[in-house]
N, C-alpha and C. Protein backbone atom coordinates (compact mmCIF):
# COMPACT_ATOMS: atom_id res chain seq x y z
N MET A 1 -109.90 79.19 26.68
CA MET A 1 -111.06 78.68 25.95
C MET A 1 -111.89 79.84 25.43
N SER A 2 -112.36 79.69 24.22
CA SER A 2 -113.13 80.74 23.57
C SER A 2 -114.52 80.88 24.20
N THR A 3 -114.95 82.12 24.30
CA THR A 3 -116.31 82.36 24.81
C THR A 3 -117.30 82.52 23.65
N ILE A 4 -116.80 82.38 22.43
CA ILE A 4 -117.65 82.58 21.26
C ILE A 4 -118.70 81.47 21.13
N HIS A 5 -118.27 80.20 21.23
CA HIS A 5 -119.23 79.11 21.04
C HIS A 5 -120.38 79.15 22.05
N PRO A 6 -120.11 79.41 23.34
CA PRO A 6 -121.24 79.54 24.27
C PRO A 6 -122.21 80.66 23.89
N ARG A 7 -121.68 81.75 23.33
CA ARG A 7 -122.56 82.84 22.88
C ARG A 7 -123.43 82.38 21.72
N ILE A 8 -122.82 81.65 20.77
CA ILE A 8 -123.57 81.13 19.63
C ILE A 8 -124.67 80.20 20.13
N THR A 9 -124.31 79.32 21.05
CA THR A 9 -125.28 78.38 21.61
C THR A 9 -126.43 79.12 22.28
N ASP A 10 -126.10 80.14 23.04
CA ASP A 10 -127.12 80.93 23.73
C ASP A 10 -128.07 81.60 22.73
N VAL A 11 -127.50 82.21 21.71
CA VAL A 11 -128.34 82.89 20.70
C VAL A 11 -129.24 81.89 19.98
N LEU A 12 -128.67 80.78 19.55
CA LEU A 12 -129.47 79.79 18.83
C LEU A 12 -130.57 79.20 19.70
N SER A 13 -130.25 78.91 20.95
CA SER A 13 -131.26 78.28 21.81
C SER A 13 -132.32 79.26 22.29
N ARG A 14 -131.92 80.47 22.65
CA ARG A 14 -132.89 81.44 23.17
C ARG A 14 -133.68 82.16 22.07
N THR A 15 -132.97 82.64 21.07
CA THR A 15 -133.62 83.45 20.04
C THR A 15 -134.31 82.60 18.99
N PHE A 16 -133.66 81.50 18.59
CA PHE A 16 -134.19 80.69 17.49
C PHE A 16 -134.78 79.37 17.94
N LYS A 17 -134.79 79.15 19.25
CA LYS A 17 -135.41 77.96 19.86
C LYS A 17 -134.84 76.64 19.32
N VAL A 18 -133.55 76.64 18.99
CA VAL A 18 -132.88 75.41 18.56
C VAL A 18 -132.53 74.62 19.81
N PRO A 19 -132.90 73.34 19.86
CA PRO A 19 -132.55 72.53 21.03
C PRO A 19 -131.03 72.48 21.22
N VAL A 20 -130.58 72.66 22.44
CA VAL A 20 -129.15 72.69 22.74
C VAL A 20 -128.46 71.42 22.25
N ALA A 21 -129.12 70.29 22.32
CA ALA A 21 -128.54 69.01 21.89
C ALA A 21 -128.19 69.01 20.40
N GLU A 22 -128.82 69.88 19.62
CA GLU A 22 -128.57 69.96 18.18
C GLU A 22 -127.47 70.95 17.83
N ILE A 23 -127.01 71.72 18.79
CA ILE A 23 -126.01 72.76 18.54
C ILE A 23 -124.62 72.16 18.75
N LEU A 24 -124.11 71.58 17.68
CA LEU A 24 -122.82 70.89 17.70
C LEU A 24 -121.84 71.61 16.78
N PRO A 25 -120.54 71.45 16.99
CA PRO A 25 -119.57 72.12 16.13
C PRO A 25 -119.76 71.84 14.64
N ASP A 26 -120.19 70.62 14.29
CA ASP A 26 -120.35 70.29 12.88
C ASP A 26 -121.75 70.57 12.35
N SER A 27 -122.62 71.15 13.17
CA SER A 27 -123.96 71.54 12.70
C SER A 27 -123.83 72.68 11.69
N THR A 28 -124.64 72.62 10.65
CA THR A 28 -124.66 73.69 9.64
C THR A 28 -125.94 74.48 9.79
N MET A 29 -125.98 75.62 9.15
CA MET A 29 -127.21 76.41 9.15
C MET A 29 -128.36 75.57 8.60
N ASP A 30 -128.06 74.81 7.54
CA ASP A 30 -129.07 73.97 6.93
C ASP A 30 -129.57 72.89 7.89
N SER A 31 -128.64 72.23 8.60
CA SER A 31 -129.06 71.15 9.51
C SER A 31 -129.84 71.70 10.71
N LEU A 32 -129.66 72.99 11.01
CA LEU A 32 -130.41 73.63 12.10
C LEU A 32 -131.70 74.27 11.60
N ASP A 33 -132.03 74.02 10.32
CA ASP A 33 -133.25 74.56 9.69
C ASP A 33 -133.28 76.08 9.69
N MET A 34 -132.10 76.69 9.51
CA MET A 34 -132.00 78.15 9.44
C MET A 34 -132.09 78.56 7.97
N ASP A 35 -133.23 79.11 7.57
CA ASP A 35 -133.35 79.60 6.20
C ASP A 35 -132.59 80.91 6.05
N SER A 36 -132.58 81.48 4.86
CA SER A 36 -131.77 82.68 4.62
C SER A 36 -132.21 83.86 5.49
N LEU A 37 -133.50 84.00 5.75
CA LEU A 37 -133.98 85.08 6.61
C LEU A 37 -133.51 84.88 8.05
N ALA A 38 -133.62 83.65 8.54
CA ALA A 38 -133.16 83.35 9.91
C ALA A 38 -131.65 83.53 10.02
N ALA A 39 -130.91 83.13 8.98
CA ALA A 39 -129.45 83.30 9.00
C ALA A 39 -129.09 84.78 9.02
N ALA A 40 -129.83 85.60 8.27
CA ALA A 40 -129.56 87.05 8.28
C ALA A 40 -129.84 87.64 9.66
N GLU A 41 -130.93 87.21 10.28
CA GLU A 41 -131.24 87.68 11.63
C GLU A 41 -130.19 87.19 12.62
N PHE A 42 -129.73 85.95 12.46
CA PHE A 42 -128.69 85.38 13.29
C PHE A 42 -127.41 86.22 13.19
N ALA A 43 -127.06 86.64 11.98
CA ALA A 43 -125.87 87.48 11.77
C ALA A 43 -126.00 88.80 12.51
N VAL A 44 -127.19 89.38 12.49
CA VAL A 44 -127.42 90.65 13.20
C VAL A 44 -127.27 90.46 14.70
N VAL A 45 -127.88 89.41 15.22
CA VAL A 45 -127.81 89.15 16.66
C VAL A 45 -126.36 88.86 17.07
N LEU A 46 -125.63 88.11 16.24
CA LEU A 46 -124.22 87.84 16.55
C LEU A 46 -123.40 89.11 16.54
N ARG A 47 -123.68 90.02 15.60
CA ARG A 47 -122.97 91.30 15.58
C ARG A 47 -123.23 92.06 16.87
N GLU A 48 -124.48 92.08 17.30
CA GLU A 48 -124.83 92.78 18.54
C GLU A 48 -124.19 92.11 19.76
N THR A 49 -124.04 90.80 19.70
CA THR A 49 -123.52 90.03 20.83
C THR A 49 -121.99 90.04 20.88
N THR A 50 -121.35 89.95 19.71
CA THR A 50 -119.89 89.81 19.67
C THR A 50 -119.17 91.07 19.20
N GLY A 51 -119.90 91.95 18.53
CA GLY A 51 -119.28 93.14 17.97
C GLY A 51 -118.58 92.90 16.64
N VAL A 52 -118.73 91.69 16.09
CA VAL A 52 -118.09 91.34 14.83
C VAL A 52 -119.13 91.36 13.71
N GLU A 53 -118.82 92.10 12.66
CA GLU A 53 -119.68 92.17 11.47
C GLU A 53 -119.40 90.96 10.59
N LEU A 54 -120.45 90.25 10.19
CA LEU A 54 -120.30 89.11 9.30
C LEU A 54 -120.61 89.55 7.88
N ASP A 55 -119.73 89.23 6.94
CA ASP A 55 -120.04 89.55 5.55
C ASP A 55 -120.98 88.48 4.98
N THR A 56 -121.53 88.75 3.84
CA THR A 56 -122.57 87.89 3.29
C THR A 56 -122.09 86.47 2.97
N GLY A 57 -120.82 86.29 2.68
CA GLY A 57 -120.31 84.97 2.36
C GLY A 57 -119.93 84.13 3.55
N THR A 58 -119.92 84.70 4.72
CA THR A 58 -119.49 83.99 5.92
C THR A 58 -120.53 83.02 6.43
N LEU A 59 -121.78 83.39 6.38
CA LEU A 59 -122.85 82.58 6.96
C LEU A 59 -123.74 82.04 5.84
N THR A 60 -123.37 80.86 5.34
CA THR A 60 -124.13 80.21 4.27
C THR A 60 -124.82 78.97 4.82
N ARG A 61 -125.60 78.33 3.99
CA ARG A 61 -126.31 77.11 4.42
C ARG A 61 -125.35 76.03 4.88
N GLY A 62 -124.15 75.98 4.28
CA GLY A 62 -123.19 74.94 4.61
C GLY A 62 -122.18 75.31 5.67
N THR A 63 -122.25 76.54 6.19
CA THR A 63 -121.30 76.97 7.22
C THR A 63 -121.54 76.17 8.49
N THR A 64 -120.47 75.58 9.02
CA THR A 64 -120.61 74.85 10.29
C THR A 64 -120.43 75.82 11.45
N LEU A 65 -120.91 75.43 12.59
CA LEU A 65 -120.74 76.28 13.77
C LEU A 65 -119.26 76.37 14.16
N ALA A 66 -118.48 75.33 13.89
CA ALA A 66 -117.04 75.38 14.15
C ALA A 66 -116.38 76.43 13.26
N GLU A 67 -116.77 76.49 11.99
CA GLU A 67 -116.23 77.50 11.07
C GLU A 67 -116.65 78.90 11.51
N LEU A 68 -117.89 79.03 11.89
CA LEU A 68 -118.39 80.32 12.34
C LEU A 68 -117.66 80.77 13.61
N THR A 69 -117.47 79.86 14.54
CA THR A 69 -116.75 80.16 15.78
C THR A 69 -115.33 80.61 15.47
N ALA A 70 -114.65 79.89 14.59
CA ALA A 70 -113.27 80.25 14.23
C ALA A 70 -113.22 81.63 13.58
N HIS A 71 -114.18 81.91 12.69
CA HIS A 71 -114.22 83.21 12.01
C HIS A 71 -114.45 84.34 13.03
N LEU A 72 -115.42 84.14 13.91
CA LEU A 72 -115.71 85.19 14.91
C LEU A 72 -114.53 85.38 15.86
N HIS A 73 -113.90 84.29 16.25
CA HIS A 73 -112.75 84.38 17.14
C HIS A 73 -111.59 85.13 16.47
N ALA A 74 -111.31 84.79 15.22
CA ALA A 74 -110.23 85.46 14.49
C ALA A 74 -110.55 86.93 14.28
N SER A 75 -111.79 87.22 13.92
CA SER A 75 -112.18 88.62 13.68
C SER A 75 -112.17 89.43 14.96
N ALA A 76 -112.61 88.85 16.05
CA ALA A 76 -112.62 89.56 17.33
C ALA A 76 -111.19 89.82 17.79
N GLY A 77 -110.29 88.89 17.53
CA GLY A 77 -108.90 89.05 17.92
C GLY A 77 -108.17 90.06 17.07
N ALA A 78 -108.64 90.28 15.84
CA ALA A 78 -108.00 91.22 14.93
C ALA A 78 -108.38 92.65 15.22
N ARG A 79 -109.41 92.85 16.05
CA ARG A 79 -109.89 94.20 16.34
C ARG A 79 -109.07 94.85 17.41
């Protein structure tokens, strides 16, 4: 089982105060009320947490947490 999603959940709930009940695989940045500045900060925190650099097209308003998890998992495995 991937440890990426629990890390994402931890970052969103602790750093961005998103209620855990709202952090679902099909949640998007938009549905979590993450504006572009918050998404950019989220990308930085994820890089610090996972060691994976996110490019600008990876984390958009419509990106789901499932897509983000898959991307981080694939990128971490490629390193």
